[in-house]
Amino acid sequence: MTKEHRETEVVRDPETGRVTGYVEHVEERPKKKSGGGGLILGLLLGALFVVGGVAIYANSQGGYQQAGIEADQAVEQAQTETSQASDQIGQTAENLGDEAERTGDNIQSSMQ
């Protein structure tokens, strides 16, 4: 389907300025070619390039098994650090509770 551009020109009487008619200009524009085939080919080549890069990287790092071992070690370390932080928070809360209790006892004994 070709696209066309239409313009309508108004023709006026030079003496009176009244409209005497219309002239229509039609300009046909050629249909653009689609580049869909090149886009699909480019996407496929890009995906192939990424997959190849991942495979080469995994091979140079000792394979997928080593990557899994490293991931498990990182998870274990994070769990240990989280547990230690939780213990420290619990100890701090207990210390604050003891201090509040002593402060309450001091206030109570000073009021007597």
PDB file of N, CA and C in Angstrom:
ATOM      1  N   MET A   1       0.848  -1.167   0.000  1.00  0.00           N
ATOM      2  CA  MET A   1       0.000   0.000   0.000  1.00  0.00           C
ATOM      3  C   MET A   1       0.891   1.227   0.000  1.00  0.00           C
ATOM      4  N   THR A   2       0.724   2.052  -1.009  1.00  0.00           N
ATOM      5  CA  THR A   2       1.508   3.279  -1.059  1.00  0.00           C
ATOM      6  C   THR A   2       0.785   4.359  -0.284  1.00  0.00           C
ATOM      7  N   LYS A   3       1.570   5.148   0.395  1.00  0.00           N
ATOM      8  CA  LYS A   3       0.979   6.268   1.136  1.00  0.00           C
ATOM      9  C   LYS A   3       0.973   7.471   0.226  1.00  0.00           C
ATOM     10  N   GLU A   4      -0.034   8.270   0.367  1.00  0.00           N
ATOM     11  CA  GLU A   4      -0.100   9.468  -0.458  1.00  0.00           C
ATOM     12  C   GLU A   4      -0.363  10.680   0.421  1.00  0.00           C
ATOM     13  N   HIS A   5       0.116  11.797  -0.071  1.00  0.00           N
ATOM     14  CA  HIS A   5      -0.046  13.062   0.639  1.00  0.00           C
ATOM     15  C   HIS A   5      -0.936  13.954  -0.231  1.00  0.00           C
ATOM     16  N   ARG A   6      -2.032  14.404   0.337  1.00  0.00           N
ATOM     17  CA  ARG A   6      -2.972  15.230  -0.432  1.00  0.00           C
ATOM     18  C   ARG A   6      -2.978  16.652   0.118  1.00  0.00           C
ATOM     19  N   GLU A   7      -2.971  17.608  -0.786  1.00  0.00           N
ATOM     20  CA  GLU A   7      -3.112  19.022  -0.433  1.00  0.00           C
ATOM     21  C   GLU A   7      -4.183  19.620  -1.334  1.00  0.00           C
ATOM     22  N   THR A   8      -5.004  20.424  -0.729  1.00  0.00           N
ATOM     23  CA  THR A   8      -6.045  21.104  -1.501  1.00  0.00           C
ATOM     24  C   THR A   8      -5.744  22.595  -1.494  1.00  0.00           C
ATOM     25  N   GLU A   9      -5.689  23.175  -2.679  1.00  0.00           N
ATOM     26  CA  GLU A   9      -5.397  24.603  -2.824  1.00  0.00           C
ATOM     27  C   GLU A   9      -6.693  25.315  -3.218  1.00  0.00           C
ATOM     28  N   VAL A  10      -6.937  26.418  -2.565  1.00  0.00           N
ATOM     29  CA  VAL A  10      -8.146  27.200  -2.852  1.00  0.00           C
ATOM     30  C   VAL A  10      -7.824  28.199  -3.964  1.00  0.00           C
ATOM     31  N   VAL A  11      -8.695  28.247  -5.004  1.00  0.00           N
ATOM     32  CA  VAL A  11      -8.526  29.197  -6.102  1.00  0.00           C
ATOM     33  C   VAL A  11      -9.540  30.325  -5.898  1.00  0.00           C
ATOM     34  N   ARG A  12      -9.027  31.561  -5.857  1.00  0.00           N
ATOM     35  CA  ARG A  12      -9.901  32.730  -5.618  1.00  0.00           C
ATOM     36  C   ARG A  12      -9.906  33.659  -6.850  1.00  0.00           C
ATOM     37  N   ASP A  13     -10.994  34.355  -6.986  1.00  0.00           N
ATOM     38  CA  ASP A  13     -11.111  35.371  -8.034  1.00  0.00           C
ATOM     39  C   ASP A  13     -10.253  36.562  -7.599  1.00  0.00           C
ATOM     40  N   PRO A  14      -9.293  36.992  -8.455  1.00  0.00           N
ATOM     41  CA  PRO A  14      -8.396  38.072  -8.043  1.00  0.00           C
ATOM     42  C   PRO A  14      -9.107  39.409  -7.782  1.00  0.00           C
ATOM     43  N   GLU A  15     -10.210  39.649  -8.416  1.00  0.00           N
ATOM     44  CA  GLU A  15     -10.892  40.932  -8.241  1.00  0.00           C
ATOM     45  C   GLU A  15     -11.782  40.952  -7.009  1.00  0.00           C
ATOM     46  N   THR A  16     -12.563  39.887  -6.796  1.00  0.00           N
ATOM     47  CA  THR A  16     -13.523  39.888  -5.688  1.00  0.00           C
ATOM     48  C   THR A  16     -12.994  39.135  -4.460  1.00  0.00           C
ATOM     49  N   GLY A  17     -12.060  38.237  -4.641  1.00  0.00           N
ATOM     50  CA  GLY A  17     -11.532  37.454  -3.527  1.00  0.00           C
ATOM     51  C   GLY A  17     -12.403  36.269  -3.168  1.00  0.00           C
ATOM     52  N   ARG A  18     -13.436  36.036  -3.949  1.00  0.00           N
ATOM     53  CA  ARG A  18     -14.327  34.908  -3.679  1.00  0.00           C
ATOM     54  C   ARG A  18     -13.692  33.599  -4.162  1.00  0.00           C
ATOM     55  N   VAL A  19     -14.054  32.497  -3.510  1.00  0.00           N
ATOM     56  CA  VAL A  19     -13.559  31.181  -3.887  1.00  0.00           C
ATOM     57  C   VAL A  19     -14.232  30.774  -5.187  1.00  0.00           C
ATOM     58  N   THR A  20     -13.390  30.398  -6.156  1.00  0.00           N
ATOM     59  CA  THR A  20     -13.940  29.979  -7.450  1.00  0.00           C
ATOM     60  C   THR A  20     -13.742  28.489  -7.692  1.00  0.00           C
ATOM     61  N   GLY A  21     -12.888  27.868  -6.885  1.00  0.00           N
ATOM     62  CA  GLY A  21     -12.673  26.439  -7.074  1.00  0.00           C
ATOM     63  C   GLY A  21     -11.551  25.926  -6.173  1.00  0.00           C
ATOM     64  N   TYR A  22     -11.302  24.637  -6.327  1.00  0.00           N
ATOM     65  CA  TYR A  22     -10.259  23.971  -5.540  1.00  0.00           C
ATOM     66  C   TYR A  22      -9.382  23.162  -6.474  1.00  0.00           C
ATOM     67  N   VAL A  23      -8.080  23.120  -6.193  1.00  0.00           N
ATOM     68  CA  VAL A  23      -7.154  22.285  -6.953  1.00  0.00           C
ATOM     69  C   VAL A  23      -6.518  21.320  -5.955  1.00  0.00           C
ATOM     70  N   GLU A  24      -6.617  20.048  -6.265  1.00  0.00           N
ATOM     71  CA  GLU A  24      -6.081  19.042  -5.352  1.00  0.00           C
ATOM     72  C   GLU A  24      -4.779  18.499  -5.910  1.00  0.00           C
ATOM     73  N   HIS A  25      -3.738  18.513  -5.050  1.00  0.00           N
ATOM     74  CA  HIS A  25      -2.429  17.960  -5.409  1.00  0.00           C
ATOM     75  C   HIS A  25      -2.245  16.659  -4.630  1.00  0.00           C
ATOM     76  N   VAL A  26      -1.880  15.598  -5.350  1.00  0.00           N
ATOM     77  CA  VAL A  26      -1.655  14.298  -4.717  1.00  0.00           C
ATOM     78  C   VAL A  26      -0.208  13.891  -4.972  1.00  0.00           C
ATOM     79  N   GLU A  27       0.507  13.605  -3.897  1.00  0.00           N
ATOM     80  CA  GLU A  27       1.905  13.166  -4.003  1.00  0.00           C
ATOM     81  C   GLU A  27       1.986  11.763  -3.431  1.00  0.00           C
ATOM     82  N   GLU A  28       2.357  10.808  -4.272  1.00  0.00           N
ATOM     83  CA  GLU A  28       2.456   9.428  -3.806  1.00  0.00           C
ATOM     84  C   GLU A  28       3.860   9.168  -3.279  1.00  0.00           C
ATOM     85  N   ARG A  29       3.903   8.500  -2.149  1.00  0.00           N
ATOM     86  CA  ARG A  29       5.180   8.157  -1.525  1.00  0.00           C
ATOM     87  C   ARG A  29       5.368   6.647  -1.631  1.00  0.00           C
ATOM     88  N   PRO A  30       6.553   6.207  -2.018  1.00  0.00           N
ATOM     89  CA  PRO A  30       6.771   4.761  -2.144  1.00  0.00           C
ATOM     90  C   PRO A  30       6.772   4.096  -0.766  1.00  0.00           C
ATOM     91  N   LYS A  31       6.348   2.862  -0.771  1.00  0.00           N
ATOM     92  CA  LYS A  31       6.300   2.081   0.465  1.00  0.00           C
ATOM     93  C   LYS A  31       7.715   1.767   0.914  1.00  0.00           C
ATOM     94  N   LYS A  32       7.958   1.925   2.213  1.00  0.00           N
ATOM     95  CA  LYS A  32       9.277   1.632   2.763  1.00  0.00           C
ATOM     96  C   LYS A  32       9.438   0.123   2.893  1.00  0.00           C
ATOM     97  N   LYS A  33      10.666  -0.321   2.682  1.00  0.00           N
ATOM     98  CA  LYS A  33      10.950  -1.741   2.851  1.00  0.00           C
ATOM     99  C   LYS A  33      11.129  -2.029   4.332  1.00  0.00           C
ATOM    100  N   SER A  34      10.628  -3.152   4.758  1.00  0.00           N
ATOM    101  CA  SER A  34      10.771  -3.516   6.172  1.00  0.00           C
ATOM    102  C   SER A  34      12.115  -4.173   6.386  1.00  0.00           C
ATOM    103  N   GLY A  35      12.699  -3.926   7.554  1.00  0.00           N
ATOM    104  CA  GLY A  35      13.987  -4.524   7.883  1.00  0.00           C
ATOM    105  C   GLY A  35      13.835  -5.594   8.946  1.00  0.00           C
ATOM    106  N   GLY A  36      12.714  -6.264   9.001  1.00  0.00           N
ATOM    107  CA  GLY A  36      12.443  -7.266  10.026  1.00  0.00           C
ATOM    108  C   GLY A  36      13.377  -8.462   9.982  1.00  0.00           C
ATOM    109  N   GLY A  37      13.759  -8.899   8.806  1.00  0.00           N
ATOM    110  CA  GLY A  37      14.648 -10.053   8.692  1.00  0.00           C
ATOM    111  C   GLY A  37      16.015  -9.765   9.283  1.00  0.00           C
ATOM    112  N   GLY A  38      16.531  -8.590   9.032  1.00  0.00           N
ATOM    113  CA  GLY A  38      17.833  -8.215   9.579  1.00  0.00           C
ATOM    114  C   GLY A  38      17.789  -8.076  11.086  1.00  0.00           C
ATOM    115  N   LEU A  39      16.682  -7.584  11.611  1.00  0.00           N
ATOM    116  CA  LEU A  39      16.530  -7.430  13.051  1.00  0.00           C
ATOM    117  C   LEU A  39      16.523  -8.786  13.746  1.00  0.00           C
ATOM    118  N   ILE A  40      15.789  -9.728  13.205  1.00  0.00           N
ATOM    119  CA  ILE A  40      15.726 -11.066  13.800  1.00  0.00           C
ATOM    120  C   ILE A  40      17.087 -11.734  13.747  1.00  0.00           C
ATOM    121  N   LEU A  41      17.773 -11.609  12.619  1.00  0.00           N
ATOM    122  CA  LEU A  41      19.106 -12.187  12.491  1.00  0.00           C
ATOM    123  C   LEU A  41      20.060 -11.554  13.500  1.00  0.00           C
ATOM    124  N   GLY A  42      19.973 -10.245  13.679  1.00  0.00           N
ATOM    125  CA  GLY A  42      20.821  -9.550  14.644  1.00  0.00           C
ATOM    126  C   GLY A  42      20.560 -10.002  16.063  1.00  0.00           C
ATOM    127  N   LEU A  43      19.289 -10.184  16.412  1.00  0.00           N
ATOM    128  CA  LEU A  43      18.956 -10.654  17.751  1.00  0.00           C
ATOM    129  C   LEU A  43      19.467 -12.069  17.992  1.00  0.00           C
ATOM    130  N   LEU A  44      19.327 -12.931  16.998  1.00  0.00           N
ATOM    131  CA  LEU A  44      19.827 -14.301  17.143  1.00  0.00           C
ATOM    132  C   LEU A  44      21.348 -14.335  17.294  1.00  0.00           C
ATOM    133  N   LEU A  45      22.039 -13.539  16.505  1.00  0.00           N
ATOM    134  CA  LEU A  45      23.493 -13.489  16.624  1.00  0.00           C
ATOM    135  C   LEU A  45      23.913 -12.908  17.969  1.00  0.00           C
ATOM    136  N   GLY A  46      23.201 -11.901  18.447  1.00  0.00           N
ATOM    137  CA  GLY A  46      23.501 -11.332  19.753  1.00  0.00           C
ATOM    138  C   GLY A  46      23.302 -12.342  20.872  1.00  0.00           C
ATOM    139  N   ALA A  47      22.209 -13.105  20.812  1.00  0.00           N
ATOM    140  CA  ALA A  47      21.947 -14.125  21.830  1.00  0.00           C
ATOM    141  C   ALA A  47      23.024 -15.206  21.784  1.00  0.00           C
ATOM    142  N   LEU A  48      23.434 -15.603  20.592  1.00  0.00           N
ATOM    143  CA  LEU A  48      24.489 -16.597  20.445  1.00  0.00           C
ATOM    144  C   LEU A  48      25.801 -16.079  21.029  1.00  0.00           C
ATOM    145  N   PHE A  49      26.092 -14.824  20.813  1.00  0.00           N
ATOM    146  CA  PHE A  49      27.301 -14.209  21.349  1.00  0.00           C
ATOM    147  C   PHE A  49      27.287 -14.211  22.872  1.00  0.00           C
ATOM    148  N   VAL A  50      26.150 -13.870  23.477  1.00  0.00           N
ATOM    149  CA  VAL A  50      26.036 -13.856  24.941  1.00  0.00           C
ATOM    150  C   VAL A  50      26.193 -15.262  25.513  1.00  0.00           C
ATOM    151  N   VAL A  51      25.532 -16.238  24.922  1.00  0.00           N
ATOM    152  CA  VAL A  51      25.636 -17.619  25.403  1.00  0.00           C
ATOM    153  C   VAL A  51      27.073 -18.112  25.292  1.00  0.00           C
ATOM    154  N   GLY A  52      27.734 -17.801  24.209  1.00  0.00           N
ATOM    155  CA  GLY A  52      29.134 -18.198  24.046  1.00  0.00           C
ATOM    156  C   GLY A  52      30.023 -17.544  25.092  1.00  0.00           C
ATOM    157  N   GLY A  53      29.775 -16.269  25.374  1.00  0.00           N
ATOM    158  CA  GLY A  53      30.555 -15.571  26.395  1.00  0.00           C
ATOM    159  C   GLY A  53      30.366 -16.178  27.769  1.00  0.00           C
ATOM    160  N   VAL A  54      29.146 -16.532  28.110  1.00  0.00           N
ATOM    161  CA  VAL A  54      28.872 -17.161  29.409  1.00  0.00           C
ATOM    162  C   VAL A  54      29.569 -18.517  29.501  1.00  0.00           C
ATOM    163  N   ALA A  55      29.524 -19.283  28.440  1.00  0.00           N
ATOM    164  CA  ALA A  55      30.171 -20.601  28.449  1.00  0.00           C
ATOM    165  C   ALA A  55      31.683 -20.468  28.597  1.00  0.00           C
ATOM    166  N   ILE A  56      32.271 -19.522  27.909  1.00  0.00           N
ATOM    167  CA  ILE A  56      33.722 -19.317  28.014  1.00  0.00           C
ATOM    168  C   ILE A  56      34.092 -18.855  29.417  1.00  0.00           C
ATOM    169  N   TYR A  57      33.301 -17.937  29.972  1.00  0.00           N
ATOM    170  CA  TYR A  57      33.571 -17.450  31.330  1.00  0.00           C
ATOM    171  C   TYR A  57      33.449 -18.583  32.344  1.00  0.00           C
ATOM    172  N   ALA A  58      32.417 -19.383  32.236  1.00  0.00           N
ATOM    173  CA  ALA A  58      32.224 -20.496  33.177  1.00  0.00           C
ATOM    174  C   ALA A  58      33.373 -21.489  33.074  1.00  0.00           C
ATOM    175  N   ASN A  59      33.825 -21.733  31.867  1.00  0.00           N
ATOM    176  CA  ASN A  59      34.933 -22.663  31.674  1.00  0.00           C
ATOM    177  C   ASN A  59      36.219 -22.104  32.291  1.00  0.00           C
ATOM    178  N   SER A  60      36.449 -20.804  32.154  1.00  0.00           N
ATOM    179  CA  SER A  60      37.677 -20.220  32.684  1.00  0.00           C
ATOM    180  C   SER A  60      37.640 -20.121  34.209  1.00  0.00           C
ATOM    181  N   GLN A  61      36.473 -20.119  34.797  1.00  0.00           N
ATOM    182  CA  GLN A  61      36.343 -20.026  36.252  1.00  0.00           C
ATOM    183  C   GLN A  61      36.250 -21.401  36.918  1.00  0.00           C
ATOM    184  N   GLY A  62      36.458 -22.438  36.217  1.00  0.00           N
ATOM    185  CA  GLY A  62      36.446 -23.775  36.809  1.00  0.00           C
ATOM    186  C   GLY A  62      35.126 -24.490  36.615  1.00  0.00           C
ATOM    187  N   GLY A  63      34.283 -24.000  35.787  1.00  0.00           N
ATOM    188  CA  GLY A  63      33.036 -24.680  35.472  1.00  0.00           C
ATOM    189  C   GLY A  63      31.895 -24.289  36.389  1.00  0.00           C
ATOM    190  N   TYR A  64      30.764 -24.837  36.084  1.00  0.00           N
ATOM    191  CA  TYR A  64      29.543 -24.523  36.821  1.00  0.00           C
ATOM    192  C   TYR A  64      29.579 -25.103  38.236  1.00  0.00           C
ATOM    193  N   GLN A  65      30.263 -26.220  38.415  1.00  0.00           N
ATOM    194  CA  GLN A  65      30.325 -26.851  39.734  1.00  0.00           C
ATOM    195  C   GLN A  65      31.056 -25.935  40.708  1.00  0.00           C
ATOM    196  N   GLN A  66      32.172 -25.348  40.272  1.00  0.00           N
ATOM    197  CA  GLN A  66      32.926 -24.446  41.138  1.00  0.00           C
ATOM    198  C   GLN A  66      32.101 -23.212  41.465  1.00  0.00           C
ATOM    199  N   ALA A  67      31.356 -22.718  40.492  1.00  0.00           N
ATOM    200  CA  ALA A  67      30.503 -21.554  40.747  1.00  0.00           C
ATOM    201  C   ALA A  67      29.444 -21.894  41.798  1.00  0.00           C
ATOM    202  N   GLY A  68      28.906 -23.102  41.747  1.00  0.00           N
ATOM    203  CA  GLY A  68      27.920 -23.530  42.738  1.00  0.00           C
ATOM    204  C   GLY A  68      28.530 -23.640  44.120  1.00  0.00           C
ATOM    205  N   ILE A  69      29.747 -24.149  44.196  1.00  0.00           N
ATOM    206  CA  ILE A  69      30.437 -24.272  45.491  1.00  0.00           C
ATOM    207  C   ILE A  69      30.677 -22.889  46.087  1.00  0.00           C
ATOM    208  N   GLU A  70      31.136 -21.964  45.258  1.00  0.00           N
ATOM    209  CA  GLU A  70      31.380 -20.606  45.739  1.00  0.00           C
ATOM    210  C   GLU A  70      30.090 -19.947  46.201  1.00  0.00           C
ATOM    211  N   ALA A  71      28.991 -20.189  45.493  1.00  0.00           N
ATOM    212  CA  ALA A  71      27.705 -19.621  45.895  1.00  0.00           C
ATOM    213  C   ALA A  71      27.258 -20.200  47.235  1.00  0.00           C
ATOM    214  N   ASP A  72      27.441 -21.512  47.426  1.00  0.00           N
ATOM    215  CA  ASP A  72      27.073 -22.137  48.701  1.00  0.00           C
ATOM    216  C   ASP A  72      27.905 -21.583  49.850  1.00  0.00           C
ATOM    217  N   GLN A  73      29.201 -21.355  49.597  1.00  0.00           N
ATOM    218  CA  GLN A  73      30.062 -20.788  50.630  1.00  0.00           C
ATOM    219  C   GLN A  73      29.625 -19.371  50.991  1.00  0.00           C
ATOM    220  N   ALA A  74      29.245 -18.593  50.010  1.00  0.00           N
ATOM    221  CA  ALA A  74      28.799 -17.228  50.265  1.00  0.00           C
ATOM    222  C   ALA A  74      27.510 -17.233  51.079  1.00  0.00           C
ATOM    223  N   VAL A  75      26.592 -18.144  50.774  1.00  0.00           N
ATOM    224  CA  VAL A  75      25.335 -18.241  51.519  1.00  0.00           C
ATOM    225  C   VAL A  75      25.613 -18.650  52.960  1.00  0.00           C
ATOM    226  N   GLU A  76      26.504 -19.605  53.152  1.00  0.00           N
ATOM    227  CA  GLU A  76      26.836 -20.072  54.507  1.00  0.00           C
ATOM    228  C   GLU A  76      27.468 -18.942  55.318  1.00  0.00           C
ATOM    229  N   GLN A  77      28.354 -18.178  54.694  1.00  0.00           N
ATOM    230  CA  GLN A  77      28.988 -17.058  55.394  1.00  0.00           C
ATOM    231  C   GLN A  77      27.948 -15.996  55.758  1.00  0.00           C
ATOM    232  N   ALA A  78      27.031 -15.716  54.878  1.00  0.00           N
ATOM    233  CA  ALA A  78      25.987 -14.728  55.161  1.00  0.00           C
ATOM    234  C   ALA A  78      25.104 -15.198  56.311  1.00  0.00           C
ATOM    235  N   GLN A  79      24.791 -16.501  56.345  1.00  0.00           N
ATOM    236  CA  GLN A  79      23.974 -17.036  57.432  1.00  0.00           C
ATOM    237  C   GLN A  79      24.709 -16.925  58.765  1.00  0.00           C
ATOM    238  N   THR A  80      26.018 -17.198  58.773  1.00  0.00           N
ATOM    239  CA  THR A  80      26.814 -17.103  59.994  1.00  0.00           C
ATOM    240  C   THR A  80      26.853 -15.662  60.495  1.00  0.00           C
ATOM    241  N   GLU A  81      27.090 -14.727  59.589  1.00  0.00           N
ATOM    242  CA  GLU A  81      27.144 -13.319  59.973  1.00  0.00           C
ATOM    243  C   GLU A  81      25.793 -12.832  60.472  1.00  0.00           C
ATOM    244  N   THR A  82      24.721 -13.282  59.858  1.00  0.00           N
ATOM    245  CA  THR A  82      23.375 -12.895  60.299  1.00  0.00           C
ATOM    246  C   THR A  82      23.092 -13.443  61.694  1.00  0.00           C
ATOM    247  N   SER A  83      23.494 -14.672  61.941  1.00  0.00           N
ATOM    248  CA  SER A  83      23.289 -15.284  63.253  1.00  0.00           C
ATOM    249  C   SER A  83      24.081 -14.537  64.319  1.00  0.00           C
ATOM    250  N   GLN A  84      25.328 -14.170  64.026  1.00  0.00           N
ATOM    251  CA  GLN A  84      26.142 -13.432  64.980  1.00  0.00           C
ATOM    252  C   GLN A  84      25.536 -12.058  65.268  1.00  0.00           C
ATOM    253  N   ALA A  85      25.060 -11.384  64.232  1.00  0.00           N
ATOM    254  CA  ALA A  85      24.444 -10.071  64.422  1.00  0.00           C
ATOM    255  C   ALA A  85      23.181 -10.198  65.263  1.00  0.00           C
ATOM    256  N   SER A  86      22.411 -11.235  65.039  1.00  0.00           N
ATOM    257  CA  SER A  86      21.193 -11.455  65.805  1.00  0.00           C
ATOM    258  C   SER A  86      21.516 -11.697  67.276  1.00  0.00           C
ATOM    259  N   ASP A  87      22.564 -12.485  67.535  1.00  0.00           N
ATOM    260  CA  ASP A  87      22.982 -12.731  68.913  1.00  0.00           C
ATOM    261  C   ASP A  87      23.425 -11.438  69.594  1.00  0.00           C
ATOM    262  N   GLN A  88      24.161 -10.603  68.867  1.00  0.00           N
ATOM    263  CA  GLN A  88      24.613  -9.330  69.437  1.00  0.00           C
ATOM    264  C   GLN A  88      23.433  -8.419  69.746  1.00  0.00           C
ATOM    265  N   ILE A  89      22.442  -8.388  68.866  1.00  0.00           N
ATOM    266  CA  ILE A  89      21.254  -7.564  69.098  1.00  0.00           C
ATOM    267  C   ILE A  89      20.500  -8.073  70.321  1.00  0.00           C
ATOM    268  N   GLY A  90      20.398  -9.381  70.460  1.00  0.00           N
ATOM    269  CA  GLY A  90      19.723  -9.963  71.620  1.00  0.00           C
ATOM    270  C   GLY A  90      20.443  -9.619  72.914  1.00  0.00           C
ATOM    271  N   GLN A  91      21.773  -9.710  72.898  1.00  0.00           N
ATOM    272  CA  GLN A  91      22.563  -9.383  74.092  1.00  0.00           C
ATOM    273  C   GLN A  91      22.416  -7.906  74.442  1.00  0.00           C
ATOM    274  N   THR A  92      22.445  -7.040  73.441  1.00  0.00           N
ATOM    275  CA  THR A  92      22.278  -5.606  73.676  1.00  0.00           C
ATOM    276  C   THR A  92      20.903  -5.310  74.253  1.00  0.00           C
ATOM    277  N   ALA A  93      19.876  -5.949  73.746  1.00  0.00           N
ATOM    278  CA  ALA A  93      18.521  -5.749  74.264  1.00  0.00           C
ATOM    279  C   ALA A  93      18.424  -6.219  75.707  1.00  0.00           C
ATOM    280  N   GLU A  94      19.060  -7.326  76.006  1.00  0.00           N
ATOM    281  CA  GLU A  94      19.042  -7.837  77.383  1.00  0.00           C
ATOM    282  C   GLU A  94      19.763  -6.865  78.318  1.00  0.00           C
ATOM    283  N   ASN A  95      20.921  -6.332  77.872  1.00  0.00           N
ATOM    284  CA  ASN A  95      21.652  -5.355  78.689  1.00  0.00           C
ATOM    285  C   ASN A  95      20.829  -4.096  78.929  1.00  0.00           C
ATOM    286  N   LEU A  96      20.137  -3.637  77.897  1.00  0.00           N
ATOM    287  CA  LEU A  96      19.288  -2.451  78.043  1.00  0.00           C
ATOM    288  C   LEU A  96      18.141  -2.715  79.012  1.00  0.00           C
ATOM    289  N   GLY A  97      17.593  -3.904  78.957  1.00  0.00           N
ATOM    290  CA  GLY A  97      16.515  -4.263  79.888  1.00  0.00           C
ATOM    291  C   GLY A  97      17.007  -4.275  81.323  1.00  0.00           C
ATOM    292  N   ASP A  98      18.191  -4.843  81.548  1.00  0.00           N
ATOM    293  CA  ASP A  98      18.774  -4.866  82.893  1.00  0.00           C
ATOM    294  C   ASP A  98      19.028  -3.445  83.388  1.00  0.00           C
ATOM    295  N   GLU A  99      19.557  -2.609  82.519  1.00  0.00           N
ATOM    296  CA  GLU A  99      19.843  -1.219  82.896  1.00  0.00           C
ATOM    297  C   GLU A  99      18.555  -0.468  83.222  1.00  0.00           C
ATOM    298  N   ALA A 100      17.512  -0.706  82.447  1.00  0.00           N
ATOM    299  CA  ALA A 100      16.225  -0.056  82.726  1.00  0.00           C
ATOM    300  C   ALA A 100      15.676  -0.518  84.063  1.00  0.00           C
ATOM    301  N   GLU A 101      15.850  -1.779  84.366  1.00  0.00           N
ATOM    302  CA  GLU A 101      15.369  -2.307  85.646  1.00  0.00           C
ATOM    303  C   GLU A 101      16.123  -1.673  86.813  1.00  0.00           C
ATOM    304  N   ARG A 102      17.456  -1.538  86.682  1.00  0.00           N
ATOM    305  CA  ARG A 102      18.248  -0.896  87.733  1.00  0.00           C
ATOM    306  C   ARG A 102      17.851   0.559  87.903  1.00  0.00           C
ATOM    307  N   THR A 103      17.619   1.233  86.779  1.00  0.00           N
ATOM    308  CA  THR A 103      17.213   2.635  86.847  1.00  0.00           C
ATOM    309  C   THR A 103      15.867   2.758  87.549  1.00  0.00           C
ATOM    310  N   GLY A 104      14.964   1.864  87.246  1.00  0.00           N
ATOM    311  CA  GLY A 104      13.655   1.868  87.908  1.00  0.00           C
ATOM    312  C   GLY A 104      13.788   1.624  89.394  1.00  0.00           C
ATOM    313  N   ASP A 105      14.647   0.698  89.772  1.00  0.00           N
ATOM    314  CA  ASP A 105      14.873   0.420  91.205  1.00  0.00           C
ATOM    315  C   ASP A 105      15.476   1.646  91.877  1.00  0.00           C
ATOM    316  N   ASN A 106      16.429   2.333  91.201  1.00  0.00           N
ATOM    317  CA  ASN A 106      17.043   3.526  91.797  1.00  0.00           C
ATOM    318  C   ASN A 106      16.010   4.629  91.998  1.00  0.00           C
ATOM    319  N   ILE A 107      15.143   4.805  91.033  1.00  0.00           N
ATOM    320  CA  ILE A 107      14.104   5.833  91.139  1.00  0.00           C
ATOM    321  C   ILE A 107      13.143   5.500  92.268  1.00  0.00           C
ATOM    322  N   GLN A 108      12.781   4.247  92.347  1.00  0.00           N
ATOM    323  CA  GLN A 108      11.850   3.813  93.385  1.00  0.00           C
ATOM    324  C   GLN A 108      12.459   3.992  94.782  1.00  0.00           C
ATOM    325  N   SER A 109      13.738   3.639  94.940  1.00  0.00           N
ATOM    326  CA  SER A 109      14.360   3.770  96.258  1.00  0.00           C
ATOM    327  C   SER A 109      14.598   5.222  96.626  1.00  0.00           C
ATOM    328  N   SER A 110      14.812   6.096  95.647  1.00  0.00           N
ATOM    329  CA  SER A 110      15.015   7.505  95.952  1.00  0.00           C
ATOM    330  C   SER A 110      13.715   8.195  96.318  1.00  0.00           C
ATOM    331  N   MET A 111      12.582   7.644  95.919  1.00  0.00           N
ATOM    332  CA  MET A 111      11.287   8.249  96.210  1.00  0.00           C
ATOM    333  C   MET A 111      10.792   7.834  97.601  1.00  0.00           C
ATOM    334  N   GLN A 112      11.406   6.871  98.225  1.00  0.00           N
ATOM    335  CA  GLN A 112      10.939   6.389  99.536  1.00  0.00           C
ATOM    336  C   GLN A 112      11.529   7.184 100.651  1.00  0.00           C
TER     337      GLN A 112
END
